[in-house]
């Protein structure tokens, strides 16, 4: 479980993120009852969230990378790290070791704070949004969402925006099956296609 006392002193009240509070107080008991887990340690949880942006080999790659890193930092509140090509690809004019993108890995409270903004603020702003597809889960219970327009995040300063960037959001869980992962994220408020009812996180 995430340590909610990190960064606080004894006797001080911790400002626990809403999604973390909801997970502990509402989602865990719900999943124990729904799936028959014997204890809280069997209940799946989100381990980390990675935002990965690849700019490829565009002519102004250096400028594009700086702009992408700035936008990811704005969205996540964390400084991105640059990613490099693992091998050379002549057709795309890529050299091994060349900087091609940037990524941010979120854990702990910052991860839950991002989840709250992502689910409650960003997704509802997606044009013609009808829900998230469940086919985007892998066999290990991890979920990847492609974001084509980062201006859905309210932190983005649209008036001073130089270019739109796209990136993948990968949510890594401890779920052992796809069903477990769907149950977890659905209970956390992820609006999957075909799902109905009030998200459990709103009850916390």
N, C-alpha and C. Protein backbone atom coordinates (compact mmCIF):
# COMPACT_ATOMS: atom_id res chain seq x y z
N UNK A 1 0.83 -1.20 0.00
CA UNK A 1 0.00 0.00 0.00
C UNK A 1 0.87 1.25 0.00
N UNK A 2 0.38 2.31 -0.54
CA UNK A 2 1.11 3.56 -0.57
C UNK A 2 1.18 4.15 0.83
N UNK A 3 2.34 4.65 1.23
CA UNK A 3 2.50 5.24 2.55
C UNK A 3 2.01 6.68 2.53
N UNK A 4 0.89 6.92 3.17
CA UNK A 4 0.29 8.25 3.11
C UNK A 4 0.94 9.24 4.05
N UNK A 5 1.86 8.75 4.93
CA UNK A 5 2.49 9.65 5.89
C UNK A 5 3.79 10.23 5.36
N UNK A 6 4.19 9.86 4.15
CA UNK A 6 5.42 10.38 3.58
C UNK A 6 5.34 11.89 3.46
N UNK A 7 6.36 12.56 3.96
CA UNK A 7 6.43 14.01 3.81
C UNK A 7 5.62 14.77 4.86
N UNK A 8 5.09 14.06 5.87
CA UNK A 8 4.35 14.74 6.93
C UNK A 8 5.01 14.47 8.27
N UNK A 9 4.72 15.28 9.25
CA UNK A 9 5.29 15.13 10.58
C UNK A 9 4.25 14.55 11.53
N UNK A 10 4.73 13.92 12.61
CA UNK A 10 3.82 13.35 13.61
C UNK A 10 2.99 14.47 14.21
N UNK A 11 1.70 14.24 14.29
CA UNK A 11 0.82 15.25 14.85
C UNK A 11 0.20 16.16 13.82
N UNK A 12 0.71 16.10 12.58
CA UNK A 12 0.16 16.93 11.51
C UNK A 12 -0.80 16.11 10.67
N UNK A 13 -1.87 16.70 10.25
CA UNK A 13 -2.87 16.01 9.43
C UNK A 13 -2.40 15.91 7.99
N UNK A 14 -2.42 14.71 7.45
CA UNK A 14 -1.98 14.49 6.07
C UNK A 14 -3.11 14.80 5.10
N UNK A 15 -2.79 15.56 4.07
CA UNK A 15 -3.77 15.90 3.04
C UNK A 15 -3.76 14.79 1.99
N UNK A 16 -4.44 13.71 2.26
CA UNK A 16 -4.43 12.53 1.40
C UNK A 16 -5.24 12.81 0.13
N UNK A 17 -4.67 12.49 -1.06
CA UNK A 17 -5.41 12.68 -2.31
C UNK A 17 -6.75 11.94 -2.29
N UNK A 18 -7.76 12.53 -2.91
CA UNK A 18 -9.10 11.96 -2.89
C UNK A 18 -9.14 10.54 -3.45
N UNK A 19 -8.38 10.29 -4.53
CA UNK A 19 -8.41 8.96 -5.14
C UNK A 19 -7.73 7.92 -4.26
N UNK A 20 -6.71 8.31 -3.51
CA UNK A 20 -6.05 7.38 -2.60
C UNK A 20 -6.99 7.07 -1.43
N UNK A 21 -7.64 8.09 -0.91
CA UNK A 21 -8.61 7.90 0.17
C UNK A 21 -9.77 7.01 -0.28
N UNK A 22 -10.24 7.25 -1.51
CA UNK A 22 -11.34 6.45 -2.05
C UNK A 22 -10.92 5.00 -2.24
N UNK A 23 -9.69 4.80 -2.70
CA UNK A 23 -9.20 3.43 -2.91
C UNK A 23 -9.22 2.67 -1.59
N UNK A 24 -8.68 3.27 -0.55
CA UNK A 24 -8.57 2.58 0.74
C UNK A 24 -9.91 2.37 1.42
N UNK A 25 -10.76 3.39 1.39
CA UNK A 25 -11.99 3.34 2.18
C UNK A 25 -13.19 2.76 1.44
N UNK A 26 -13.17 2.83 0.12
CA UNK A 26 -14.34 2.39 -0.65
C UNK A 26 -14.02 1.26 -1.62
N UNK A 27 -12.98 1.45 -2.43
CA UNK A 27 -12.67 0.48 -3.48
C UNK A 27 -12.20 -0.86 -2.92
N UNK A 28 -11.29 -0.83 -1.95
CA UNK A 28 -10.77 -2.08 -1.37
C UNK A 28 -11.89 -2.94 -0.77
N UNK A 29 -12.74 -2.40 0.10
CA UNK A 29 -13.85 -3.21 0.63
C UNK A 29 -14.79 -3.72 -0.47
N UNK A 30 -15.03 -2.89 -1.47
CA UNK A 30 -15.91 -3.29 -2.58
C UNK A 30 -15.32 -4.47 -3.34
N UNK A 31 -14.02 -4.42 -3.65
CA UNK A 31 -13.39 -5.49 -4.42
C UNK A 31 -13.25 -6.77 -3.60
N UNK A 32 -13.05 -6.64 -2.28
CA UNK A 32 -12.99 -7.82 -1.42
C UNK A 32 -14.33 -8.56 -1.46
N UNK A 33 -15.41 -7.80 -1.38
CA UNK A 33 -16.75 -8.41 -1.42
C UNK A 33 -17.07 -8.95 -2.82
N UNK A 34 -16.71 -8.21 -3.85
CA UNK A 34 -17.05 -8.59 -5.22
C UNK A 34 -16.29 -9.83 -5.68
N UNK A 35 -14.99 -9.89 -5.38
CA UNK A 35 -14.15 -10.97 -5.91
C UNK A 35 -13.71 -11.98 -4.86
N UNK A 36 -14.15 -11.83 -3.61
CA UNK A 36 -13.87 -12.83 -2.59
C UNK A 36 -12.43 -12.89 -2.13
N UNK A 37 -11.73 -11.77 -2.15
CA UNK A 37 -10.34 -11.76 -1.65
C UNK A 37 -10.35 -12.03 -0.15
N UNK A 38 -9.33 -12.75 0.32
CA UNK A 38 -9.28 -13.11 1.74
C UNK A 38 -8.73 -12.00 2.61
N UNK A 39 -7.88 -11.14 2.03
CA UNK A 39 -7.35 -10.02 2.79
C UNK A 39 -7.00 -8.88 1.84
N UNK A 40 -6.68 -7.71 2.40
CA UNK A 40 -6.44 -6.53 1.58
C UNK A 40 -5.20 -6.66 0.70
N UNK A 41 -4.28 -7.54 1.08
CA UNK A 41 -3.06 -7.70 0.30
C UNK A 41 -3.31 -8.39 -1.04
N UNK A 42 -4.44 -9.06 -1.17
CA UNK A 42 -4.79 -9.70 -2.44
C UNK A 42 -5.48 -8.73 -3.39
N UNK A 43 -5.95 -7.62 -2.87
CA UNK A 43 -6.68 -6.66 -3.70
C UNK A 43 -5.71 -5.94 -4.64
N UNK A 44 -6.00 -5.91 -5.94
CA UNK A 44 -5.13 -5.22 -6.91
C UNK A 44 -5.03 -3.73 -6.59
N UNK A 45 -3.92 -3.15 -6.97
CA UNK A 45 -3.73 -1.71 -6.80
C UNK A 45 -2.92 -1.16 -7.97
N UNK A 46 -2.94 0.14 -8.11
CA UNK A 46 -2.14 0.79 -9.14
C UNK A 46 -0.75 1.04 -8.58
N UNK A 47 0.26 0.62 -9.31
CA UNK A 47 1.65 0.74 -8.85
C UNK A 47 2.29 2.03 -9.36
N UNK A 48 2.10 2.30 -10.64
CA UNK A 48 2.70 3.50 -11.23
C UNK A 48 1.96 3.87 -12.51
N UNK A 49 2.14 5.11 -12.93
CA UNK A 49 1.58 5.59 -14.19
C UNK A 49 2.71 6.24 -14.99
N UNK A 50 2.85 5.85 -16.24
CA UNK A 50 3.89 6.41 -17.10
C UNK A 50 3.26 7.17 -18.25
N UNK A 51 3.73 8.38 -18.47
CA UNK A 51 3.34 9.18 -19.64
C UNK A 51 4.53 9.21 -20.57
N UNK A 52 4.37 8.68 -21.77
CA UNK A 52 5.48 8.54 -22.70
C UNK A 52 5.17 9.26 -24.01
N UNK A 53 6.00 10.23 -24.37
CA UNK A 53 5.81 11.02 -25.58
C UNK A 53 6.97 10.78 -26.53
N UNK A 54 6.67 10.37 -27.77
CA UNK A 54 7.71 10.13 -28.77
C UNK A 54 7.54 11.13 -29.91
N UNK A 55 8.59 11.90 -30.16
CA UNK A 55 8.54 12.93 -31.19
C UNK A 55 9.14 12.46 -32.51
N UNK A 56 9.70 11.23 -32.52
CA UNK A 56 10.26 10.69 -33.76
C UNK A 56 11.53 11.39 -34.17
N UNK A 57 11.66 11.66 -35.46
CA UNK A 57 12.89 12.27 -36.00
C UNK A 57 12.56 13.51 -36.82
N UNK A 58 11.65 14.33 -36.34
CA UNK A 58 11.28 15.54 -37.07
C UNK A 58 12.46 16.49 -37.18
N UNK A 59 12.40 17.38 -38.14
CA UNK A 59 13.52 18.28 -38.41
C UNK A 59 13.90 19.15 -37.23
N UNK A 60 12.90 19.60 -36.48
CA UNK A 60 13.17 20.45 -35.32
C UNK A 60 13.02 19.66 -34.03
N UNK A 61 13.59 18.44 -34.02
CA UNK A 61 13.41 17.52 -32.91
C UNK A 61 13.84 18.11 -31.58
N UNK A 62 14.92 18.87 -31.56
CA UNK A 62 15.40 19.43 -30.30
C UNK A 62 14.39 20.40 -29.71
N UNK A 63 13.86 21.28 -30.55
CA UNK A 63 12.85 22.24 -30.09
C UNK A 63 11.57 21.51 -29.69
N UNK A 64 11.18 20.52 -30.50
CA UNK A 64 9.96 19.76 -30.23
C UNK A 64 10.05 19.03 -28.90
N UNK A 65 11.23 18.47 -28.60
CA UNK A 65 11.43 17.75 -27.35
C UNK A 65 11.33 18.68 -26.15
N UNK A 66 11.91 19.85 -26.27
CA UNK A 66 11.85 20.82 -25.17
C UNK A 66 10.41 21.24 -24.90
N UNK A 67 9.66 21.44 -25.97
CA UNK A 67 8.26 21.85 -25.81
C UNK A 67 7.43 20.72 -25.20
N UNK A 68 7.70 19.48 -25.66
CA UNK A 68 6.97 18.32 -25.13
C UNK A 68 7.28 18.12 -23.66
N UNK A 69 8.56 18.25 -23.29
CA UNK A 69 8.96 18.09 -21.89
C UNK A 69 8.30 19.14 -21.01
N UNK A 70 8.21 20.36 -21.52
CA UNK A 70 7.58 21.45 -20.78
C UNK A 70 6.11 21.16 -20.53
N UNK A 71 5.42 20.64 -21.56
CA UNK A 71 4.00 20.35 -21.43
C UNK A 71 3.74 19.18 -20.47
N UNK A 72 4.58 18.13 -20.55
CA UNK A 72 4.41 16.99 -19.65
C UNK A 72 4.65 17.41 -18.20
N UNK A 73 5.64 18.27 -17.99
CA UNK A 73 5.92 18.76 -16.64
C UNK A 73 4.73 19.55 -16.10
N UNK A 74 4.10 20.31 -16.97
CA UNK A 74 2.94 21.12 -16.59
C UNK A 74 1.77 20.22 -16.20
N UNK A 75 1.59 19.15 -16.96
CA UNK A 75 0.46 18.24 -16.73
C UNK A 75 0.65 17.38 -15.48
N UNK A 76 1.89 16.94 -15.25
CA UNK A 76 2.15 15.99 -14.16
C UNK A 76 2.74 16.60 -12.90
N UNK A 77 3.35 17.79 -13.02
CA UNK A 77 4.02 18.38 -11.87
C UNK A 77 5.35 17.73 -11.58
N UNK A 78 5.89 17.01 -12.56
CA UNK A 78 7.16 16.31 -12.39
C UNK A 78 8.02 16.47 -13.64
N UNK A 79 9.32 16.63 -13.46
CA UNK A 79 10.22 16.84 -14.59
C UNK A 79 10.40 15.55 -15.39
N UNK A 80 10.17 15.58 -16.70
CA UNK A 80 10.33 14.39 -17.55
C UNK A 80 11.81 14.05 -17.77
N UNK A 81 12.05 12.82 -18.16
CA UNK A 81 13.38 12.40 -18.57
C UNK A 81 13.34 12.13 -20.07
N UNK A 82 14.45 12.37 -20.75
CA UNK A 82 14.51 12.16 -22.20
C UNK A 82 14.65 10.66 -22.50
N UNK A 83 14.05 10.23 -23.59
CA UNK A 83 14.19 8.84 -24.04
C UNK A 83 14.99 8.82 -25.34
N UNK A 84 15.71 7.73 -25.56
CA UNK A 84 16.58 7.62 -26.73
C UNK A 84 16.23 6.40 -27.57
N UNK A 85 16.57 6.47 -28.84
CA UNK A 85 16.33 5.34 -29.76
C UNK A 85 17.21 4.16 -29.36
N UNK A 86 16.61 2.97 -29.29
CA UNK A 86 17.36 1.79 -28.88
C UNK A 86 18.19 1.22 -30.02
N UNK A 87 17.81 1.56 -31.26
CA UNK A 87 18.58 1.09 -32.41
C UNK A 87 18.41 2.06 -33.58
N UNK A 88 19.29 1.97 -34.53
CA UNK A 88 19.24 2.84 -35.71
C UNK A 88 18.22 2.31 -36.71
N UNK A 89 17.45 3.22 -37.31
CA UNK A 89 16.49 2.86 -38.36
C UNK A 89 16.68 3.84 -39.50
N UNK A 90 17.33 3.38 -40.56
CA UNK A 90 17.70 4.27 -41.66
C UNK A 90 16.48 4.88 -42.36
N UNK A 91 15.41 4.11 -42.51
CA UNK A 91 14.21 4.62 -43.19
C UNK A 91 13.61 5.84 -42.49
N UNK A 92 13.79 5.90 -41.18
CA UNK A 92 13.25 7.02 -40.40
C UNK A 92 14.34 7.99 -39.97
N UNK A 93 15.54 7.78 -40.50
CA UNK A 93 16.69 8.64 -40.20
C UNK A 93 16.95 8.72 -38.70
N UNK A 94 16.82 7.56 -38.05
CA UNK A 94 17.06 7.48 -36.62
C UNK A 94 18.42 6.85 -36.35
N UNK A 95 19.14 7.42 -35.40
CA UNK A 95 20.41 6.87 -34.98
C UNK A 95 20.27 6.29 -33.58
N UNK A 96 20.95 5.20 -33.32
CA UNK A 96 20.93 4.60 -31.99
C UNK A 96 21.44 5.62 -30.97
N UNK A 97 20.69 5.79 -29.90
CA UNK A 97 21.09 6.74 -28.86
C UNK A 97 20.56 8.15 -29.05
N UNK A 98 19.91 8.40 -30.19
CA UNK A 98 19.36 9.73 -30.47
C UNK A 98 18.15 10.00 -29.58
N UNK A 99 18.06 11.21 -29.04
CA UNK A 99 16.91 11.59 -28.23
C UNK A 99 15.67 11.69 -29.12
N UNK A 100 14.63 10.95 -28.76
CA UNK A 100 13.42 10.93 -29.59
C UNK A 100 12.14 11.24 -28.82
N UNK A 101 12.24 11.36 -27.52
CA UNK A 101 11.03 11.62 -26.75
C UNK A 101 11.32 11.91 -25.30
N UNK A 102 10.28 11.88 -24.49
CA UNK A 102 10.43 12.10 -23.06
C UNK A 102 9.32 11.37 -22.32
N UNK A 103 9.55 11.10 -21.06
CA UNK A 103 8.54 10.38 -20.28
C UNK A 103 8.58 10.79 -18.82
N UNK A 104 7.46 10.56 -18.16
CA UNK A 104 7.33 10.82 -16.73
C UNK A 104 6.75 9.58 -16.08
N UNK A 105 7.31 9.16 -14.95
CA UNK A 105 6.77 8.04 -14.19
C UNK A 105 6.28 8.55 -12.84
N UNK A 106 5.00 8.34 -12.59
CA UNK A 106 4.38 8.83 -11.36
C UNK A 106 4.09 7.68 -10.41
N UNK A 107 4.39 7.91 -9.13
CA UNK A 107 4.10 6.93 -8.09
C UNK A 107 3.53 7.65 -6.86
N UNK A 108 2.98 6.88 -5.95
CA UNK A 108 2.54 7.45 -4.68
C UNK A 108 1.44 8.49 -4.81
N UNK A 109 1.50 9.49 -3.94
CA UNK A 109 0.44 10.49 -3.89
C UNK A 109 0.33 11.30 -5.18
N UNK A 110 1.47 11.60 -5.79
CA UNK A 110 1.43 12.37 -7.04
C UNK A 110 0.70 11.59 -8.13
N UNK A 111 0.84 10.28 -8.11
CA UNK A 111 0.15 9.43 -9.07
C UNK A 111 -1.37 9.53 -8.88
N UNK A 112 -1.81 9.47 -7.63
CA UNK A 112 -3.25 9.56 -7.35
C UNK A 112 -3.80 10.95 -7.65
N UNK A 113 -2.99 11.98 -7.45
CA UNK A 113 -3.42 13.34 -7.79
C UNK A 113 -3.61 13.48 -9.30
N UNK A 114 -2.69 12.86 -10.07
CA UNK A 114 -2.83 12.88 -11.53
C UNK A 114 -4.08 12.12 -11.95
N UNK A 115 -4.33 10.97 -11.33
CA UNK A 115 -5.52 10.17 -11.66
C UNK A 115 -6.80 10.98 -11.50
N UNK A 116 -6.87 11.73 -10.42
CA UNK A 116 -8.06 12.54 -10.16
C UNK A 116 -8.28 13.55 -11.29
N UNK A 117 -7.22 14.23 -11.70
CA UNK A 117 -7.34 15.22 -12.77
C UNK A 117 -7.64 14.56 -14.10
N UNK A 118 -7.04 13.39 -14.32
CA UNK A 118 -7.21 12.68 -15.59
C UNK A 118 -8.65 12.19 -15.77
N UNK A 119 -9.18 11.55 -14.73
CA UNK A 119 -10.52 10.95 -14.82
C UNK A 119 -11.62 11.99 -14.71
N UNK A 120 -11.46 12.94 -13.81
CA UNK A 120 -12.54 13.90 -13.55
C UNK A 120 -12.48 15.14 -14.43
N UNK A 121 -11.28 15.56 -14.84
CA UNK A 121 -11.16 16.81 -15.59
C UNK A 121 -10.81 16.63 -17.06
N UNK A 122 -9.83 15.75 -17.36
CA UNK A 122 -9.34 15.63 -18.73
C UNK A 122 -10.25 14.80 -19.64
N UNK A 123 -10.59 13.58 -19.23
CA UNK A 123 -11.39 12.70 -20.08
C UNK A 123 -12.73 13.32 -20.50
N UNK A 124 -13.44 14.01 -19.60
CA UNK A 124 -14.71 14.62 -20.02
C UNK A 124 -14.54 15.69 -21.10
N UNK A 125 -13.31 16.17 -21.30
CA UNK A 125 -13.08 17.21 -22.30
C UNK A 125 -12.67 16.63 -23.66
N UNK A 126 -12.56 15.30 -23.75
CA UNK A 126 -12.25 14.67 -25.04
C UNK A 126 -13.45 14.83 -25.96
N UNK A 127 -13.20 15.30 -27.17
CA UNK A 127 -14.29 15.53 -28.12
C UNK A 127 -14.96 14.21 -28.51
N UNK A 128 -16.28 14.19 -28.47
CA UNK A 128 -17.08 13.01 -28.82
C UNK A 128 -16.70 11.79 -27.98
N UNK A 129 -16.37 12.01 -26.73
CA UNK A 129 -15.95 10.91 -25.86
C UNK A 129 -17.12 10.00 -25.52
N UNK A 130 -16.94 8.69 -25.75
CA UNK A 130 -18.01 7.72 -25.49
C UNK A 130 -17.58 6.64 -24.49
N UNK A 131 -16.41 6.80 -23.94
CA UNK A 131 -15.92 5.81 -22.99
C UNK A 131 -14.59 5.23 -23.42
N UNK A 132 -13.93 4.54 -22.49
CA UNK A 132 -12.62 3.94 -22.76
C UNK A 132 -12.78 2.48 -23.20
N UNK A 133 -12.02 2.03 -24.20
CA UNK A 133 -12.11 0.64 -24.65
C UNK A 133 -11.38 -0.30 -23.71
N UNK A 134 -11.96 -1.45 -23.42
CA UNK A 134 -11.31 -2.43 -22.55
C UNK A 134 -10.28 -3.27 -23.29
N UNK A 135 -10.24 -3.16 -24.61
CA UNK A 135 -9.27 -3.94 -25.38
C UNK A 135 -7.84 -3.45 -25.18
N UNK A 136 -7.68 -2.29 -24.55
CA UNK A 136 -6.35 -1.72 -24.38
C UNK A 136 -5.60 -2.28 -23.18
N UNK A 137 -6.16 -3.28 -22.51
CA UNK A 137 -5.45 -3.97 -21.42
C UNK A 137 -4.52 -5.02 -22.00
N UNK A 138 -3.37 -5.25 -21.34
CA UNK A 138 -2.53 -6.37 -21.74
C UNK A 138 -2.84 -7.55 -20.81
N UNK A 139 -2.17 -8.67 -21.03
CA UNK A 139 -2.45 -9.89 -20.27
C UNK A 139 -2.08 -9.76 -18.79
N UNK A 140 -1.20 -8.80 -18.48
CA UNK A 140 -0.75 -8.61 -17.10
C UNK A 140 -1.62 -7.63 -16.32
N UNK A 141 -2.68 -7.13 -16.94
CA UNK A 141 -3.57 -6.22 -16.24
C UNK A 141 -3.15 -4.77 -16.28
N UNK A 142 -2.28 -4.41 -17.22
CA UNK A 142 -1.86 -3.02 -17.38
C UNK A 142 -2.66 -2.38 -18.51
N UNK A 143 -2.90 -1.09 -18.40
CA UNK A 143 -3.77 -0.40 -19.34
C UNK A 143 -3.06 0.78 -19.99
N UNK A 144 -3.13 0.87 -21.32
CA UNK A 144 -2.49 1.96 -22.05
C UNK A 144 -3.53 2.75 -22.84
N UNK A 145 -3.51 4.06 -22.64
CA UNK A 145 -4.44 4.96 -23.32
C UNK A 145 -3.64 5.93 -24.18
N UNK A 146 -4.01 6.09 -25.43
CA UNK A 146 -3.35 7.05 -26.30
C UNK A 146 -4.06 8.40 -26.25
N UNK A 147 -3.32 9.42 -25.89
CA UNK A 147 -3.87 10.78 -25.84
C UNK A 147 -3.40 11.54 -27.08
N UNK A 148 -4.33 11.91 -27.95
CA UNK A 148 -3.97 12.59 -29.19
C UNK A 148 -3.85 14.11 -29.02
N UNK A 149 -4.60 14.64 -28.08
CA UNK A 149 -4.64 16.09 -27.88
C UNK A 149 -4.45 16.41 -26.40
N UNK A 150 -3.27 16.90 -26.04
CA UNK A 150 -2.98 17.12 -24.63
C UNK A 150 -3.67 18.34 -24.04
N UNK A 151 -4.37 19.11 -24.88
CA UNK A 151 -5.07 20.28 -24.37
C UNK A 151 -6.33 19.91 -23.58
N UNK A 152 -6.64 18.62 -23.50
CA UNK A 152 -7.76 18.20 -22.66
C UNK A 152 -7.43 18.40 -21.18
N UNK A 153 -6.14 18.52 -20.88
CA UNK A 153 -5.73 18.76 -19.50
C UNK A 153 -5.86 20.25 -19.18
N UNK A 154 -6.56 20.60 -18.12
CA UNK A 154 -6.80 22.02 -17.80
C UNK A 154 -5.54 22.80 -17.47
N UNK A 155 -4.44 22.10 -17.16
CA UNK A 155 -3.19 22.79 -16.83
C UNK A 155 -2.53 23.44 -18.04
N UNK A 156 -2.89 22.99 -19.23
CA UNK A 156 -2.26 23.47 -20.46
C UNK A 156 -2.69 24.91 -20.76
N UNK A 157 -1.70 25.76 -21.04
CA UNK A 157 -1.96 27.15 -21.41
C UNK A 157 -2.19 27.23 -22.92
N UNK A 158 -3.44 27.12 -23.34
CA UNK A 158 -3.76 27.05 -24.76
C UNK A 158 -3.37 28.31 -25.51
N UNK A 159 -3.48 29.46 -24.89
CA UNK A 159 -3.19 30.72 -25.56
C UNK A 159 -1.72 30.83 -25.98
N UNK A 160 -0.83 30.24 -25.19
CA UNK A 160 0.60 30.31 -25.50
C UNK A 160 1.15 29.00 -26.03
N UNK A 161 0.26 28.10 -26.45
CA UNK A 161 0.68 26.79 -26.94
C UNK A 161 1.30 26.89 -28.33
N UNK A 162 2.47 26.28 -28.51
CA UNK A 162 3.16 26.34 -29.79
C UNK A 162 2.83 25.14 -30.68
N UNK A 163 2.58 23.99 -30.06
CA UNK A 163 2.21 22.81 -30.84
C UNK A 163 1.48 21.83 -29.94
N UNK A 164 0.62 21.04 -30.55
CA UNK A 164 -0.08 20.00 -29.81
C UNK A 164 0.79 18.75 -29.74
N UNK A 165 0.77 18.07 -28.62
CA UNK A 165 1.55 16.84 -28.50
C UNK A 165 0.63 15.68 -28.12
N UNK A 166 1.03 14.50 -28.52
CA UNK A 166 0.31 13.29 -28.15
C UNK A 166 1.22 12.41 -27.31
N UNK A 167 0.64 11.58 -26.49
CA UNK A 167 1.45 10.68 -25.68
C UNK A 167 0.61 9.51 -25.20
N UNK A 168 1.28 8.47 -24.73
CA UNK A 168 0.60 7.30 -24.17
C UNK A 168 0.62 7.37 -22.65
N UNK A 169 -0.49 7.03 -22.04
CA UNK A 169 -0.58 6.92 -20.59
C UNK A 169 -0.71 5.43 -20.26
N UNK A 170 0.27 4.88 -19.55
CA UNK A 170 0.25 3.47 -19.18
C UNK A 170 0.07 3.33 -17.68
N UNK A 171 -0.97 2.61 -17.29
CA UNK A 171 -1.29 2.40 -15.88
C UNK A 171 -0.91 0.98 -15.51
N UNK A 172 0.08 0.85 -14.64
CA UNK A 172 0.59 -0.47 -14.23
C UNK A 172 -0.07 -0.88 -12.92
N UNK A 173 -0.65 -2.06 -12.91
CA UNK A 173 -1.35 -2.54 -11.72
C UNK A 173 -0.77 -3.87 -11.25
N UNK A 174 -1.21 -4.31 -10.07
CA UNK A 174 -0.80 -5.62 -9.56
C UNK A 174 -1.83 -6.68 -9.90
N UNK A 175 -2.82 -6.33 -10.72
CA UNK A 175 -3.86 -7.30 -11.11
C UNK A 175 -3.23 -8.49 -11.82
N UNK A 176 -3.78 -9.67 -11.57
CA UNK A 176 -3.26 -10.89 -12.18
C UNK A 176 -3.97 -11.24 -13.48
N UNK A 177 -5.13 -10.66 -13.68
CA UNK A 177 -5.90 -10.93 -14.90
C UNK A 177 -6.49 -9.62 -15.44
N UNK A 178 -6.95 -9.68 -16.67
CA UNK A 178 -7.58 -8.52 -17.28
C UNK A 178 -8.85 -8.14 -16.52
N UNK A 179 -9.63 -9.15 -16.11
CA UNK A 179 -10.87 -8.88 -15.38
C UNK A 179 -10.60 -8.15 -14.06
N UNK A 180 -9.56 -8.59 -13.34
CA UNK A 180 -9.22 -7.93 -12.09
C UNK A 180 -8.87 -6.46 -12.32
N UNK A 181 -8.13 -6.22 -13.40
CA UNK A 181 -7.72 -4.85 -13.72
C UNK A 181 -8.93 -3.98 -14.09
N UNK A 182 -9.85 -4.55 -14.87
CA UNK A 182 -11.06 -3.82 -15.24
C UNK A 182 -11.89 -3.49 -14.00
N UNK A 183 -12.03 -4.47 -13.10
CA UNK A 183 -12.79 -4.24 -11.86
C UNK A 183 -12.15 -3.11 -11.05
N UNK A 184 -10.82 -3.11 -10.97
CA UNK A 184 -10.10 -2.10 -10.20
C UNK A 184 -10.29 -0.71 -10.78
N UNK A 185 -9.97 -0.55 -12.06
CA UNK A 185 -10.04 0.77 -12.68
C UNK A 185 -11.47 1.27 -12.81
N UNK A 186 -12.40 0.35 -13.04
CA UNK A 186 -13.81 0.74 -13.11
C UNK A 186 -14.27 1.29 -11.76
N UNK A 187 -13.87 0.62 -10.69
CA UNK A 187 -14.23 1.08 -9.35
C UNK A 187 -13.57 2.41 -9.02
N UNK A 188 -12.41 2.66 -9.65
CA UNK A 188 -11.71 3.92 -9.44
C UNK A 188 -12.28 5.06 -10.28
N UNK A 189 -13.30 4.75 -11.08
CA UNK A 189 -13.97 5.80 -11.82
C UNK A 189 -13.66 5.87 -13.30
N UNK A 190 -12.87 4.92 -13.83
CA UNK A 190 -12.57 4.93 -15.26
C UNK A 190 -13.85 4.59 -16.05
N UNK A 191 -14.25 5.46 -16.97
CA UNK A 191 -15.50 5.27 -17.70
C UNK A 191 -15.34 4.35 -18.91
N UNK A 192 -15.39 3.06 -18.68
CA UNK A 192 -15.24 2.11 -19.79
C UNK A 192 -16.53 2.04 -20.60
N UNK A 193 -16.38 1.74 -21.88
CA UNK A 193 -17.52 1.66 -22.79
C UNK A 193 -18.51 0.59 -22.30
N UNK A 194 -19.77 0.95 -22.23
CA UNK A 194 -20.80 0.00 -21.83
C UNK A 194 -21.07 -0.04 -20.34
N UNK A 195 -20.22 0.62 -19.55
CA UNK A 195 -20.40 0.61 -18.10
C UNK A 195 -21.42 1.67 -17.69
N UNK A 196 -22.22 1.35 -16.70
CA UNK A 196 -23.21 2.29 -16.20
C UNK A 196 -23.11 2.36 -14.68
N UNK A 197 -23.63 3.42 -14.12
CA UNK A 197 -23.63 3.56 -12.67
C UNK A 197 -22.64 4.60 -12.20
N UNK A 198 -22.80 5.02 -10.96
CA UNK A 198 -21.97 6.05 -10.36
C UNK A 198 -20.64 5.47 -9.92
N UNK A 199 -19.50 6.08 -10.29
CA UNK A 199 -18.18 5.58 -9.88
C UNK A 199 -18.06 5.55 -8.36
N UNK A 200 -17.43 4.50 -7.84
CA UNK A 200 -17.30 4.34 -6.39
C UNK A 200 -16.50 5.47 -5.76
N UNK A 201 -15.53 6.03 -6.50
CA UNK A 201 -14.68 7.07 -5.92
C UNK A 201 -15.48 8.29 -5.51
N UNK A 202 -16.65 8.48 -6.08
CA UNK A 202 -17.47 9.64 -5.74
C UNK A 202 -18.10 9.48 -4.36
N UNK A 203 -18.01 8.25 -3.81
CA UNK A 203 -18.63 7.99 -2.52
C UNK A 203 -17.68 8.27 -1.35
N UNK A 204 -16.39 8.50 -1.67
CA UNK A 204 -15.40 8.68 -0.60
C UNK A 204 -15.38 10.11 -0.10
